[in-house]
Structure formats: structure tokens, C-alpha cells
């Protein structure tokens, strides 16, 4: 595989891996509603702040979210809302799988 093509797929895999965790999907969903600081997300998720910070770092490094520091707080925003299209597609696949399973049982 040519280097240019390989680099493209490497970046695609990086983004896919960043999305491949339930907590990170939850964070993306919440950031779609409005910006949040790590303390708000920590409270919603119910885990320690270091765990949430790690998830935010992964999403930020993949270019999915952005961060803006204000005073002593960092606020996170959804950088690319098109990532929500992936959510929609995944939900369609889940529904299709349910329908297929239902057909096999009936």
C-alpha cells in the first residue's frame, strides 16, 4: 500500500478507535447538546476525573473535540458534528440486526 494511502487509513483508524468506547460516545453525545467542562462530564459519567480526562484527551487527539481554557476551567466542544452521522449509521445497523434476528426466530 502506498504511503499516502496508508496514512489516510491510519488516520481513519485513529478516529474509529477514538469512537470505540461507550464513555467517549456518551461524551460526544453530551457535547452535541452544549459545551461542558471536565467536572460536569465527570459528574454525569460517575467516574474519577482522571478517567474522564483520558477519554477527552483521546477524543481531542483524534480531532473530534476541541478545548478552550477560560480562567482555571477548560471547556470542551464538539469539533466535527458530522461524527454524529456515524452514530446514526450504527443505530441503523443495530436495528437491522434486530430485524434480521427477529425474522430468523419467527
C-alpha atoms as a PDB file:
ATOM      1  CA  UNK A   1       0.000   0.000   0.000  1.00  0.00           C
ATOM      2  CA  UNK A   2       1.401   3.403  -0.934  1.00  0.00           C
ATOM      3  CA  UNK A   3       2.446   5.661   1.936  1.00  0.00           C
ATOM      4  CA  UNK A   4      -0.164   8.309   1.115  1.00  0.00           C
ATOM      5  CA  UNK A   5      -2.974   5.757   1.062  1.00  0.00           C
ATOM      6  CA  UNK A   6      -1.643   4.080   4.211  1.00  0.00           C
ATOM      7  CA  UNK A   7      -1.566   7.435   6.038  1.00  0.00           C
ATOM      8  CA  UNK A   8      -5.207   8.027   5.112  1.00  0.00           C
ATOM      9  CA  UNK A   9      -6.278   4.682   6.555  1.00  0.00           C
ATOM     10  CA  UNK A  10      -4.107   5.178   9.637  1.00  0.00           C
ATOM     11  CA  UNK A  11      -5.947   8.445  10.365  1.00  0.00           C
ATOM     12  CA  UNK A  12      -9.308   6.788   9.741  1.00  0.00           C
ATOM     13  CA  UNK A  13      -8.382   4.008  12.175  1.00  0.00           C
ATOM     14  CA  UNK A  14      -7.261   6.568  14.787  1.00  0.00           C
ATOM     15  CA  UNK A  15     -10.646   8.291  14.630  1.00  0.00           C
ATOM     16  CA  UNK A  16     -12.518   4.975  14.671  1.00  0.00           C
ATOM     17  CA  UNK A  17     -10.569   3.842  17.731  1.00  0.00           C
ATOM     18  CA  UNK A  18     -11.359   7.127  19.485  1.00  0.00           C
ATOM     19  CA  UNK A  19     -15.061   6.496  18.904  1.00  0.00           C
ATOM     20  CA  UNK A  20     -14.884   2.854  20.010  1.00  0.00           C
ATOM     21  CA  UNK A  21     -15.726   3.299  23.683  1.00  0.00           C
ATOM     22  CA  UNK A  22     -19.154   3.764  25.317  1.00  0.00           C
ATOM     23  CA  UNK A  23     -17.956   6.579  27.581  1.00  0.00           C
ATOM     24  CA  UNK A  24     -16.458   8.510  24.672  1.00  0.00           C
ATOM     25  CA  UNK A  25     -19.685   8.056  22.697  1.00  0.00           C
ATOM     26  CA  UNK A  26     -21.588   9.422  25.702  1.00  0.00           C
ATOM     27  CA  UNK A  27     -19.226  12.416  25.887  1.00  0.00           C
ATOM     28  CA  UNK A  28     -19.734  13.152  22.192  1.00  0.00           C
ATOM     29  CA  UNK A  29     -23.491  12.951  22.648  1.00  0.00           C
ATOM     30  CA  UNK A  30     -23.367  15.386  25.583  1.00  0.00           C
ATOM     31  CA  UNK A  31     -21.044  17.785  23.758  1.00  0.00           C
ATOM     32  CA  UNK A  32     -23.502  17.807  20.875  1.00  0.00           C
ATOM     33  CA  UNK A  33     -26.040  19.330  23.276  1.00  0.00           C
ATOM     34  CA  UNK A  34     -23.667  22.002  24.656  1.00  0.00           C
ATOM     35  CA  UNK A  35     -20.098  22.589  25.793  1.00  0.00           C
ATOM     36  CA  UNK A  36     -19.030  21.076  29.105  1.00  0.00           C
ATOM     37  CA  UNK A  37     -16.088  21.258  31.451  1.00  0.00           C
ATOM     38  CA  UNK A  38     -14.414  18.112  32.727  1.00  0.00           C
ATOM     39  CA  UNK A  39     -16.055  18.495  36.141  1.00  0.00           C
ATOM     40  CA  UNK A  40     -19.558  18.464  34.586  1.00  0.00           C
ATOM     41  CA  UNK A  41     -18.741  15.427  32.471  1.00  0.00           C
ATOM     42  CA  UNK A  42     -17.217  13.647  35.471  1.00  0.00           C
ATOM     43  CA  UNK A  43     -20.419  14.160  37.435  1.00  0.00           C
ATOM     44  CA  UNK A  44     -22.585  12.882  34.544  1.00  0.00           C
ATOM     45  CA  UNK A  45     -20.408   9.825  33.904  1.00  0.00           C
ATOM     46  CA  UNK A  46     -19.776   8.945  37.541  1.00  0.00           C
ATOM     47  CA  UNK A  47     -16.093   8.052  37.338  1.00  0.00           C
ATOM     48  CA  UNK A  48     -12.972   9.829  38.553  1.00  0.00           C
ATOM     49  CA  UNK A  49     -11.740  12.965  36.824  1.00  0.00           C
ATOM     50  CA  UNK A  50      -8.528  11.329  35.575  1.00  0.00           C
ATOM     51  CA  UNK A  51     -10.536   8.727  33.641  1.00  0.00           C
ATOM     52  CA  UNK A  52     -12.719  11.399  32.028  1.00  0.00           C
ATOM     53  CA  UNK A  53      -9.630  13.476  31.231  1.00  0.00           C
ATOM     54  CA  UNK A  54      -8.068  10.485  29.468  1.00  0.00           C
ATOM     55  CA  UNK A  55     -11.200   9.987  27.353  1.00  0.00           C
ATOM     56  CA  UNK A  56     -11.249  13.703  26.498  1.00  0.00           C
ATOM     57  CA  UNK A  57      -7.584  13.559  25.520  1.00  0.00           C
ATOM     58  CA  UNK A  58      -8.216  10.662  23.131  1.00  0.00           C
ATOM     59  CA  UNK A  59     -11.135  12.490  21.509  1.00  0.00           C
ATOM     60  CA  UNK A  60      -9.145  15.713  21.258  1.00  0.00           C
ATOM     61  CA  UNK A  61      -6.103  13.987  19.737  1.00  0.00           C
ATOM     62  CA  UNK A  62      -8.381  12.454  17.106  1.00  0.00           C
ATOM     63  CA  UNK A  63      -9.722  15.929  16.231  1.00  0.00           C
ATOM     64  CA  UNK A  64     -13.269  15.106  17.283  1.00  0.00           C
ATOM     65  CA  UNK A  65     -13.470  17.671  20.076  1.00  0.00           C
ATOM     66  CA  UNK A  66     -11.730  20.928  20.901  1.00  0.00           C
ATOM     67  CA  UNK A  67     -10.865  22.579  24.209  1.00  0.00           C
ATOM     68  CA  UNK A  68     -10.943  26.202  25.276  1.00  0.00           C
ATOM     69  CA  UNK A  69      -9.407  27.391  28.525  1.00  0.00           C
ATOM     70  CA  UNK A  70     -11.292  30.105  30.411  1.00  0.00           C
ATOM     71  CA  UNK A  71      -9.795  31.209  33.706  1.00  0.00           C
ATOM     72  CA  UNK A  72      -8.995  27.977  35.507  1.00  0.00           C
ATOM     73  CA  UNK A  73     -11.573  25.864  33.615  1.00  0.00           C
ATOM     74  CA  UNK A  74     -11.295  24.043  30.299  1.00  0.00           C
ATOM     75  CA  UNK A  75     -14.457  23.739  28.239  1.00  0.00           C
ATOM     76  CA  UNK A  76     -14.866  21.062  25.595  1.00  0.00           C
ATOM     77  CA  UNK A  77     -16.831  21.377  22.365  1.00  0.00           C
ATOM     78  CA  UNK A  78     -17.702  19.016  19.568  1.00  0.00           C
ATOM     79  CA  UNK A  79     -15.298  19.981  16.772  1.00  0.00           C
ATOM     80  CA  UNK A  80     -16.867  17.966  13.966  1.00  0.00           C
ATOM     81  CA  UNK A  81     -20.587  17.385  14.381  1.00  0.00           C
ATOM     82  CA  UNK A  82     -20.555  15.117  11.323  1.00  0.00           C
ATOM     83  CA  UNK A  83     -19.330  12.393  13.689  1.00  0.00           C
ATOM     84  CA  UNK A  84     -22.970  12.125  14.753  1.00  0.00           C
ATOM     85  CA  UNK A  85     -23.694  10.662  11.314  1.00  0.00           C
ATOM     86  CA  UNK A  86     -21.672   7.654  12.439  1.00  0.00           C
ATOM     87  CA  UNK A  87     -23.959   7.312  15.460  1.00  0.00           C
ATOM     88  CA  UNK A  88     -26.973   7.321  13.183  1.00  0.00           C
ATOM     89  CA  UNK A  89     -25.406   4.677  10.960  1.00  0.00           C
ATOM     90  CA  UNK A  90     -24.527   2.467  13.942  1.00  0.00           C
ATOM     91  CA  UNK A  91     -28.097   2.706  15.214  1.00  0.00           C
ATOM     92  CA  UNK A  92     -29.343   1.691  11.762  1.00  0.00           C
ATOM     93  CA  UNK A  93     -27.062  -1.367  11.828  1.00  0.00           C
ATOM     94  CA  UNK A  94     -28.326  -2.281  15.312  1.00  0.00           C
ATOM     95  CA  UNK A  95     -31.937  -2.031  14.110  1.00  0.00           C
ATOM     96  CA  UNK A  96     -31.130  -4.099  11.029  1.00  0.00           C
ATOM     97  CA  UNK A  97     -29.533  -6.769  13.220  1.00  0.00           C
ATOM     98  CA  UNK A  98     -32.589  -6.825  15.475  1.00  0.00           C
ATOM     99  CA  UNK A  99     -34.878  -7.146  12.465  1.00  0.00           C
ATOM    100  CA  UNK A 100     -32.766  -9.981  10.996  1.00  0.00           C
ATOM    101  CA  UNK A 101     -32.714 -11.838  14.291  1.00  0.00           C
ATOM    102  CA  UNK A 102     -36.457 -11.370  14.660  1.00  0.00           C
ATOM    103  CA  UNK A 103     -37.026 -12.815  11.173  1.00  0.00           C
ATOM    104  CA  UNK A 104     -34.921 -15.905  11.994  1.00  0.00           C
ATOM    105  CA  UNK A 105     -36.903 -16.554  15.172  1.00  0.00           C
ATOM    106  CA  UNK A 106     -40.341 -16.168  13.605  1.00  0.00           C
END
